Amino acid sequence: MTAGRSRSGAASPGLRLAIAAVVLALGGCASFTPPQAWEKQYLARPAMQFDADKLDAKNVQHIYFSKEGSSGGYGVGGGGCGCN
């Protein structure tokens, strides 16, 4: 007798349930219609950006690079002292 099969050769109820759950989960990920333009209006707001406050993001990067003793990728120069 193989795993997941009953004596009659049909799939066990547990295997059927698992297959049905996977099919339903994948079906729930499908979108039938793309979002309309008026549904996207809130995504363009500055508050929805990853760095909504540019000055705060620059200060956080400066503190990170000062503590880390490294720089790069953001145009920050200097060493770990934080003086540049």
PDB file of N, CA and C in Angstrom:
ATOM      1  N   MET A   1       0.851  -1.178   0.000  1.00  0.00           N
ATOM      2  CA  MET A   1       0.000   0.000   0.000  1.00  0.00           C
ATOM      3  C   MET A   1       0.891   1.234   0.000  1.00  0.00           C
ATOM      4  N   THR A   2       0.666   2.176  -0.911  1.00  0.00           N
ATOM      5  CA  THR A   2       1.487   3.388  -1.011  1.00  0.00           C
ATOM      6  C   THR A   2       0.910   4.482  -0.123  1.00  0.00           C
ATOM      7  N   ALA A   3       1.752   5.480   0.182  1.00  0.00           N
ATOM      8  CA  ALA A   3       1.324   6.582   1.047  1.00  0.00           C
ATOM      9  C   ALA A   3       0.291   7.437   0.326  1.00  0.00           C
ATOM     10  N   GLY A   4      -0.782   7.796   1.018  1.00  0.00           N
ATOM     11  CA  GLY A   4      -1.803   8.657   0.455  1.00  0.00           C
ATOM     12  C   GLY A   4      -2.852   7.943  -0.366  1.00  0.00           C
ATOM     13  N   ARG A   5      -2.769   6.636  -0.481  1.00  0.00           N
ATOM     14  CA  ARG A   5      -3.728   5.884  -1.279  1.00  0.00           C
ATOM     15  C   ARG A   5      -4.431   4.853  -0.395  1.00  0.00           C
ATOM     16  N   SER A   6      -5.681   4.655  -0.659  1.00  0.00           N
ATOM     17  CA  SER A   6      -6.405   3.623   0.060  1.00  0.00           C
ATOM     18  C   SER A   6      -6.298   2.309  -0.722  1.00  0.00           C
ATOM     19  N   ARG A   7      -6.930   1.268  -0.237  1.00  0.00           N
ATOM     20  CA  ARG A   7      -6.841  -0.048  -0.884  1.00  0.00           C
ATOM     21  C   ARG A   7      -7.463  -0.045  -2.275  1.00  0.00           C
ATOM     22  N   SER A   8      -8.460   0.794  -2.486  1.00  0.00           N
ATOM     23  CA  SER A   8      -9.141   0.786  -3.788  1.00  0.00           C
ATOM     24  C   SER A   8      -8.366   1.570  -4.843  1.00  0.00           C
ATOM     25  N   GLY A   9      -7.287   2.252  -4.479  1.00  0.00           N
ATOM     26  CA  GLY A   9      -6.488   2.995  -5.442  1.00  0.00           C
ATOM     27  C   GLY A   9      -6.850   4.468  -5.508  1.00  0.00           C
ATOM     28  N   ALA A  10      -7.919   4.892  -4.841  1.00  0.00           N
ATOM     29  CA  ALA A  10      -8.326   6.298  -4.846  1.00  0.00           C
ATOM     30  C   ALA A  10      -7.528   7.073  -3.801  1.00  0.00           C
ATOM     31  N   ALA A  11      -7.430   8.379  -3.977  1.00  0.00           N
ATOM     32  CA  ALA A  11      -6.697   9.226  -3.036  1.00  0.00           C
ATOM     33  C   ALA A  11      -7.444   9.270  -1.703  1.00  0.00           C
ATOM     34  N   SER A  12      -6.693   9.336  -0.628  1.00  0.00           N
ATOM     35  CA  SER A  12      -7.300   9.383   0.703  1.00  0.00           C
ATOM     36  C   SER A  12      -7.984  10.732   0.911  1.00  0.00           C
ATOM     37  N   PRO A  13      -8.909  10.808   1.855  1.00  0.00           N
ATOM     38  CA  PRO A  13      -9.609  12.073   2.114  1.00  0.00           C
ATOM     39  C   PRO A  13      -8.647  13.200   2.537  1.00  0.00           C
ATOM     40  N   GLY A  14      -7.603  12.867   3.253  1.00  0.00           N
ATOM     41  CA  GLY A  14      -6.640  13.893   3.656  1.00  0.00           C
ATOM     42  C   GLY A  14      -5.896  14.481   2.475  1.00  0.00           C
ATOM     43  N   LEU A  15      -5.531  13.603   1.522  1.00  0.00           N
ATOM     44  CA  LEU A  15      -4.840  14.070   0.321  1.00  0.00           C
ATOM     45  C   LEU A  15      -5.774  14.911  -0.540  1.00  0.00           C
ATOM     46  N   ARG A  16      -7.018  14.499  -0.642  1.00  0.00           N
ATOM     47  CA  ARG A  16      -7.999  15.284  -1.399  1.00  0.00           C
ATOM     48  C   ARG A  16      -8.191  16.656  -0.771  1.00  0.00           C
ATOM     49  N   LEU A  17      -8.258  16.702   0.536  1.00  0.00           N
ATOM     50  CA  LEU A  17      -8.429  17.975   1.239  1.00  0.00           C
ATOM     51  C   LEU A  17      -7.220  18.881   1.023  1.00  0.00           C
ATOM     52  N   ALA A  18      -6.029  18.316   1.047  1.00  0.00           N
ATOM     53  CA  ALA A  18      -4.823  19.106   0.823  1.00  0.00           C
ATOM     54  C   ALA A  18      -4.780  19.655  -0.595  1.00  0.00           C
ATOM     55  N   ILE A  19      -5.143  18.839  -1.562  1.00  0.00           N
ATOM     56  CA  ILE A  19      -5.175  19.292  -2.958  1.00  0.00           C
ATOM     57  C   ILE A  19      -6.221  20.382  -3.136  1.00  0.00           C
ATOM     58  N   ALA A  20      -7.374  20.223  -2.540  1.00  0.00           N
ATOM     59  CA  ALA A  20      -8.426  21.237  -2.643  1.00  0.00           C
ATOM     60  C   ALA A  20      -7.986  22.548  -1.995  1.00  0.00           C
ATOM     61  N   ALA A  21      -7.280  22.470  -0.864  1.00  0.00           N
ATOM     62  CA  ALA A  21      -6.810  23.693  -0.196  1.00  0.00           C
ATOM     63  C   ALA A  21      -5.790  24.430  -1.054  1.00  0.00           C
ATOM     64  N   VAL A  22      -4.895  23.694  -1.703  1.00  0.00           N
ATOM     65  CA  VAL A  22      -3.892  24.328  -2.580  1.00  0.00           C
ATOM     66  C   VAL A  22      -4.569  24.980  -3.775  1.00  0.00           C
ATOM     67  N   VAL A  23      -5.523  24.287  -4.389  1.00  0.00           N
ATOM     68  CA  VAL A  23      -6.217  24.840  -5.551  1.00  0.00           C
ATOM     69  C   VAL A  23      -6.988  26.098  -5.160  1.00  0.00           C
ATOM     70  N   LEU A  24      -7.671  26.082  -4.031  1.00  0.00           N
ATOM     71  CA  LEU A  24      -8.417  27.259  -3.584  1.00  0.00           C
ATOM     72  C   LEU A  24      -7.479  28.414  -3.238  1.00  0.00           C
ATOM     73  N   ALA A  25      -6.341  28.124  -2.622  1.00  0.00           N
ATOM     74  CA  ALA A  25      -5.391  29.179  -2.272  1.00  0.00           C
ATOM     75  C   ALA A  25      -4.814  29.825  -3.525  1.00  0.00           C
ATOM     76  N   LEU A  26      -4.469  29.023  -4.516  1.00  0.00           N
ATOM     77  CA  LEU A  26      -3.934  29.573  -5.758  1.00  0.00           C
ATOM     78  C   LEU A  26      -5.004  30.338  -6.533  1.00  0.00           C
ATOM     79  N   GLY A  27      -6.223  29.877  -6.464  1.00  0.00           N
ATOM     80  CA  GLY A  27      -7.318  30.580  -7.128  1.00  0.00           C
ATOM     81  C   GLY A  27      -7.624  31.913  -6.480  1.00  0.00           C
ATOM     82  N   GLY A  28      -7.394  32.030  -5.192  1.00  0.00           N
ATOM     83  CA  GLY A  28      -7.622  33.289  -4.488  1.00  0.00           C
ATOM     84  C   GLY A  28      -6.586  34.340  -4.812  1.00  0.00           C
ATOM     85  N   CYS A  29      -5.437  33.925  -5.329  1.00  0.00           N
ATOM     86  CA  CYS A  29      -4.377  34.873  -5.693  1.00  0.00           C
ATOM     87  C   CYS A  29      -4.625  35.508  -7.052  1.00  0.00           C
ATOM     88  N   ALA A  30      -5.515  34.950  -7.823  1.00  0.00           N
ATOM     89  CA  ALA A  30      -5.759  35.465  -9.169  1.00  0.00           C
ATOM     90  C   ALA A  30      -6.629  36.712  -9.105  1.00  0.00           C
ATOM     91  N   SER A  31      -6.285  37.689  -9.914  1.00  0.00           N
ATOM     92  CA  SER A  31      -7.075  38.901 -10.031  1.00  0.00           C
ATOM     93  C   SER A  31      -7.712  38.903 -11.413  1.00  0.00           C
ATOM     94  N   PHE A  32      -9.003  39.044 -11.457  1.00  0.00           N
ATOM     95  CA  PHE A  32      -9.689  38.954 -12.733  1.00  0.00           C
ATOM     96  C   PHE A  32      -9.670  40.269 -13.490  1.00  0.00           C
ATOM     97  N   THR A  33      -9.714  41.384 -12.795  1.00  0.00           N
ATOM     98  CA  THR A  33      -9.663  42.690 -13.448  1.00  0.00           C
ATOM     99  C   THR A  33      -8.571  43.524 -12.794  1.00  0.00           C
ATOM    100  N   PRO A  34      -7.792  44.235 -13.582  1.00  0.00           N
ATOM    101  CA  PRO A  34      -6.766  45.098 -12.993  1.00  0.00           C
ATOM    102  C   PRO A  34      -7.429  46.296 -12.306  1.00  0.00           C
ATOM    103  N   PRO A  35      -6.749  46.893 -11.332  1.00  0.00           N
ATOM    104  CA  PRO A  35      -7.345  48.048 -10.657  1.00  0.00           C
ATOM    105  C   PRO A  35      -7.491  49.229 -11.620  1.00  0.00           C
ATOM    106  N   GLN A  36      -8.541  49.974 -11.437  1.00  0.00           N
ATOM    107  CA  GLN A  36      -8.799  51.140 -12.273  1.00  0.00           C
ATOM    108  C   GLN A  36      -7.943  52.322 -11.816  1.00  0.00           C
ATOM    109  N   ALA A  37      -7.857  53.346 -12.644  1.00  0.00           N
ATOM    110  CA  ALA A  37      -7.013  54.503 -12.344  1.00  0.00           C
ATOM    111  C   ALA A  37      -7.459  55.202 -11.061  1.00  0.00           C
ATOM    112  N   TRP A  38      -8.766  55.326 -10.830  1.00  0.00           N
ATOM    113  CA  TRP A  38      -9.245  56.011  -9.640  1.00  0.00           C
ATOM    114  C   TRP A  38      -9.018  55.181  -8.370  1.00  0.00           C
ATOM    115  N   GLU A  39      -8.753  53.886  -8.526  1.00  0.00           N
ATOM    116  CA  GLU A  39      -8.453  53.054  -7.369  1.00  0.00           C
ATOM    117  C   GLU A  39      -6.992  53.175  -6.944  1.00  0.00           C
ATOM    118  N   LYS A  40      -6.151  53.758  -7.815  1.00  0.00           N
ATOM    119  CA  LYS A  40      -4.727  53.899  -7.519  1.00  0.00           C
ATOM    120  C   LYS A  40      -4.357  55.281  -7.011  1.00  0.00           C
ATOM    121  N   GLN A  41      -5.324  56.174  -6.839  1.00  0.00           N
ATOM    122  CA  GLN A  41      -5.016  57.557  -6.514  1.00  0.00           C
ATOM    123  C   GLN A  41      -4.293  57.724  -5.179  1.00  0.00           C
ATOM    124  N   TYR A  42      -4.550  56.873  -4.225  1.00  0.00           N
ATOM    125  CA  TYR A  42      -3.928  57.026  -2.910  1.00  0.00           C
ATOM    126  C   TYR A  42      -2.494  56.518  -2.872  1.00  0.00           C
ATOM    127  N   LEU A  43      -2.103  55.688  -3.834  1.00  0.00           N
ATOM    128  CA  LEU A  43      -0.750  55.153  -3.860  1.00  0.00           C
ATOM    129  C   LEU A  43       0.271  56.182  -4.287  1.00  0.00           C
ATOM    130  N   ALA A  44      -0.149  57.252  -4.963  1.00  0.00           N
ATOM    131  CA  ALA A  44       0.766  58.278  -5.442  1.00  0.00           C
ATOM    132  C   ALA A  44       1.049  59.344  -4.393  1.00  0.00           C
ATOM    133  N   ARG A  45       0.389  59.313  -3.269  1.00  0.00           N
ATOM    134  CA  ARG A  45       0.608  60.329  -2.229  1.00  0.00           C
ATOM    135  C   ARG A  45       1.988  60.173  -1.602  1.00  0.00           C
ATOM    136  N   PRO A  46       2.590  61.293  -1.189  1.00  0.00           N
ATOM    137  CA  PRO A  46       3.915  61.217  -0.559  1.00  0.00           C
ATOM    138  C   PRO A  46       3.929  60.361   0.707  1.00  0.00           C
ATOM    139  N   ALA A  47       2.843  60.322   1.421  1.00  0.00           N
ATOM    140  CA  ALA A  47       2.801  59.533   2.654  1.00  0.00           C
ATOM    141  C   ALA A  47       2.868  58.035   2.385  1.00  0.00           C
ATOM    142  N   MET A  48       2.582  57.625   1.159  1.00  0.00           N
ATOM    143  CA  MET A  48       2.608  56.208   0.814  1.00  0.00           C
ATOM    144  C   MET A  48       3.982  55.751   0.326  1.00  0.00           C
ATOM    145  N   GLN A  49       4.940  56.653   0.228  1.00  0.00           N
ATOM    146  CA  GLN A  49       6.282  56.301  -0.214  1.00  0.00           C
ATOM    147  C   GLN A  49       7.046  55.664   0.940  1.00  0.00           C
ATOM    148  N   PHE A  50       8.103  54.933   0.614  1.00  0.00           N
ATOM    149  CA  PHE A  50       8.912  54.308   1.660  1.00  0.00           C
ATOM    150  C   PHE A  50       9.585  55.366   2.521  1.00  0.00           C
ATOM    151  N   ASP A  51      10.082  56.419   1.892  1.00  0.00           N
ATOM    152  CA  ASP A  51      10.700  57.522   2.614  1.00  0.00           C
ATOM    153  C   ASP A  51       9.842  58.760   2.416  1.00  0.00           C
ATOM    154  N   ALA A  52       8.782  58.869   3.200  1.00  0.00           N
ATOM    155  CA  ALA A  52       7.865  59.985   3.048  1.00  0.00           C
ATOM    156  C   ALA A  52       8.532  61.303   3.428  1.00  0.00           C
ATOM    157  N   ASP A  53       9.380  61.275   4.447  1.00  0.00           N
ATOM    158  CA  ASP A  53      10.088  62.471   4.890  1.00  0.00           C
ATOM    159  C   ASP A  53      11.547  62.346   4.462  1.00  0.00           C
ATOM    160  N   LYS A  54      11.936  63.100   3.436  1.00  0.00           N
ATOM    161  CA  LYS A  54      13.282  62.987   2.875  1.00  0.00           C
ATOM    162  C   LYS A  54      14.360  63.395   3.879  1.00  0.00           C
ATOM    163  N   LEU A  55      14.110  64.446   4.665  1.00  0.00           N
ATOM    164  CA  LEU A  55      15.095  64.903   5.641  1.00  0.00           C
ATOM    165  C   LEU A  55      15.311  63.864   6.733  1.00  0.00           C
ATOM    166  N   ASP A  56      14.235  63.255   7.190  1.00  0.00           N
ATOM    167  CA  ASP A  56      14.346  62.219   8.207  1.00  0.00           C
ATOM    168  C   ASP A  56      15.113  61.008   7.668  1.00  0.00           C
ATOM    169  N   ALA A  57      14.854  60.639   6.425  1.00  0.00           N
ATOM    170  CA  ALA A  57      15.561  59.504   5.822  1.00  0.00           C
ATOM    171  C   ALA A  57      17.054  59.800   5.710  1.00  0.00           C
ATOM    172  N   LYS A  58      17.408  61.033   5.363  1.00  0.00           N
ATOM    173  CA  LYS A  58      18.821  61.400   5.254  1.00  0.00           C
ATOM    174  C   LYS A  58      19.491  61.360   6.625  1.00  0.00           C
ATOM    175  N   ASN A  59      18.795  61.820   7.666  1.00  0.00           N
ATOM    176  CA  ASN A  59      19.353  61.770   9.023  1.00  0.00           C
ATOM    177  C   ASN A  59      19.533  60.330   9.499  1.00  0.00           C
ATOM    178  N   VAL A  60      18.590  59.475   9.193  1.00  0.00           N
ATOM    179  CA  VAL A  60      18.703  58.072   9.592  1.00  0.00           C
ATOM    180  C   VAL A  60      19.893  57.429   8.894  1.00  0.00           C
ATOM    181  N   GLN A  61      20.096  57.732   7.604  1.00  0.00           N
ATOM    182  CA  GLN A  61      21.245  57.195   6.882  1.00  0.00           C
ATOM    183  C   GLN A  61      22.550  57.713   7.469  1.00  0.00           C
ATOM    184  N   HIS A  62      22.578  58.984   7.833  1.00  0.00           N
ATOM    185  CA  HIS A  62      23.801  59.565   8.412  1.00  0.00           C
ATOM    186  C   HIS A  62      24.146  58.879   9.739  1.00  0.00           C
ATOM    187  N   ILE A  63      23.159  58.669  10.571  1.00  0.00           N
ATOM    188  CA  ILE A  63      23.397  58.012  11.862  1.00  0.00           C
ATOM    189  C   ILE A  63      23.847  56.573  11.644  1.00  0.00           C
ATOM    190  N   TYR A  64      23.225  55.878  10.699  1.00  0.00           N
ATOM    191  CA  TYR A  64      23.607  54.491  10.415  1.00  0.00           C
ATOM    192  C   TYR A  64      25.054  54.410   9.960  1.00  0.00           C
ATOM    193  N   PHE A  65      25.428  55.257   9.011  1.00  0.00           N
ATOM    194  CA  PHE A  65      26.792  55.200   8.491  1.00  0.00           C
ATOM    195  C   PHE A  65      27.812  55.661   9.526  1.00  0.00           C
ATOM    196  N   SER A  66      27.410  56.564  10.405  1.00  0.00           N
ATOM    197  CA  SER A  66      28.328  57.005  11.457  1.00  0.00           C
ATOM    198  C   SER A  66      28.584  55.880  12.457  1.00  0.00           C
ATOM    199  N   LYS A  67      27.558  55.158  12.804  1.00  0.00           N
ATOM    200  CA  LYS A  67      27.711  54.050  13.747  1.00  0.00           C
ATOM    201  C   LYS A  67      28.414  52.862  13.104  1.00  0.00           C
ATOM    202  N   GLU A  68      28.137  52.629  11.848  1.00  0.00           N
ATOM    203  CA  GLU A  68      28.673  51.475  11.153  1.00  0.00           C
ATOM    204  C   GLU A  68      30.138  51.661  10.773  1.00  0.00           C
ATOM    205  N   GLY A  69      30.557  52.915  10.613  1.00  0.00           N
ATOM    206  CA  GLY A  69      31.936  53.184  10.229  1.00  0.00           C
ATOM    207  C   GLY A  69      32.174  52.913   8.757  1.00  0.00           C
ATOM    208  N   SER A  70      31.128  52.988   7.971  1.00  0.00           N
ATOM    209  CA  SER A  70      31.257  52.728   6.549  1.00  0.00           C
ATOM    210  C   SER A  70      30.414  53.728   5.789  1.00  0.00           C
ATOM    211  N   SER A  71      30.606  53.755   4.507  1.00  0.00           N
ATOM    212  CA  SER A  71      29.773  54.605   3.666  1.00  0.00           C
ATOM    213  C   SER A  71      29.693  53.973   2.284  1.00  0.00           C
ATOM    214  N   GLY A  72      28.727  54.430   1.528  1.00  0.00           N
ATOM    215  CA  GLY A  72      28.598  53.937   0.168  1.00  0.00           C
ATOM    216  C   GLY A  72      27.170  53.739  -0.241  1.00  0.00           C
ATOM    217  N   GLY A  73      26.924  53.936  -1.496  1.00  0.00           N
ATOM    218  CA  GLY A  73      25.598  53.718  -2.029  1.00  0.00           C
ATOM    219  C   GLY A  73      24.690  54.920  -1.956  1.00  0.00           C
ATOM    220  N   TYR A  74      24.936  55.838  -1.058  1.00  0.00           N
ATOM    221  CA  TYR A  74      24.077  57.004  -0.906  1.00  0.00           C
ATOM    222  C   TYR A  74      24.842  58.306  -1.067  1.00  0.00           C
ATOM    223  N   GLY A  75      26.088  58.256  -1.475  1.00  0.00           N
ATOM    224  CA  GLY A  75      26.860  59.467  -1.678  1.00  0.00           C
ATOM    225  C   GLY A  75      27.374  60.084  -0.406  1.00  0.00           C
ATOM    226  N   VAL A  76      27.456  59.314   0.660  1.00  0.00           N
ATOM    227  CA  VAL A  76      27.941  59.815   1.944  1.00  0.00           C
ATOM    228  C   VAL A  76      29.435  59.606   1.993  1.00  0.00           C
ATOM    229  N   GLY A  77      30.184  60.638   2.348  1.00  0.00           N
ATOM    230  CA  GLY A  77      31.633  60.504   2.454  1.00  0.00           C
ATOM    231  C   GLY A  77      32.060  60.535   3.904  1.00  0.00           C
ATOM    232  N   GLY A  78      33.243  60.042   4.175  1.00  0.00           N
ATOM    233  CA  GLY A  78      33.783  60.126   5.526  1.00  0.00           C
ATOM    234  C   GLY A  78      33.855  58.786   6.203  1.00  0.00           C
ATOM    235  N   GLY A  79      34.332  58.833   7.440  1.00  0.00           N
ATOM    236  CA  GLY A  79      34.534  57.620   8.199  1.00  0.00           C
ATOM    237  C   GLY A  79      33.498  57.449   9.283  1.00  0.00           C
ATOM    238  N   GLY A  80      33.877  56.786  10.355  1.00  0.00           N
ATOM    239  CA  GLY A  80      32.946  56.472  11.431  1.00  0.00           C
ATOM    240  C   GLY A  80      32.730  57.595  12.422  1.00  0.00           C
ATOM    241  N   CYS A  81      33.457  58.715  12.289  1.00  0.00           N
ATOM    242  CA  CYS A  81      33.292  59.794  13.259  1.00  0.00           C
ATOM    243  C   CYS A  81      32.020  60.591  13.027  1.00  0.00           C
ATOM    244  N   GLY A  82      31.458  60.540  11.829  1.00  0.00           N
ATOM    245  CA  GLY A  82      30.228  61.265  11.530  1.00  0.00           C
ATOM    246  C   GLY A  82      30.454  62.726  11.253  1.00  0.00           C
ATOM    247  N   CYS A  83      31.683  63.154  11.010  1.00  0.00           N
ATOM    248  CA  CYS A  83      31.965  64.560  10.815  1.00  0.00           C
ATOM    249  C   CYS A  83      31.755  65.028   9.382  1.00  0.00           C
ATOM    250  N   ASN A  84      31.610  64.129   8.443  1.00  0.00           N
ATOM    251  CA  ASN A  84      31.402  64.549   7.038  1.00  0.00           C
ATOM    252  C   ASN A  84      29.982  64.371   6.634  1.00  0.00           C
TER     253      ASN A  84
END
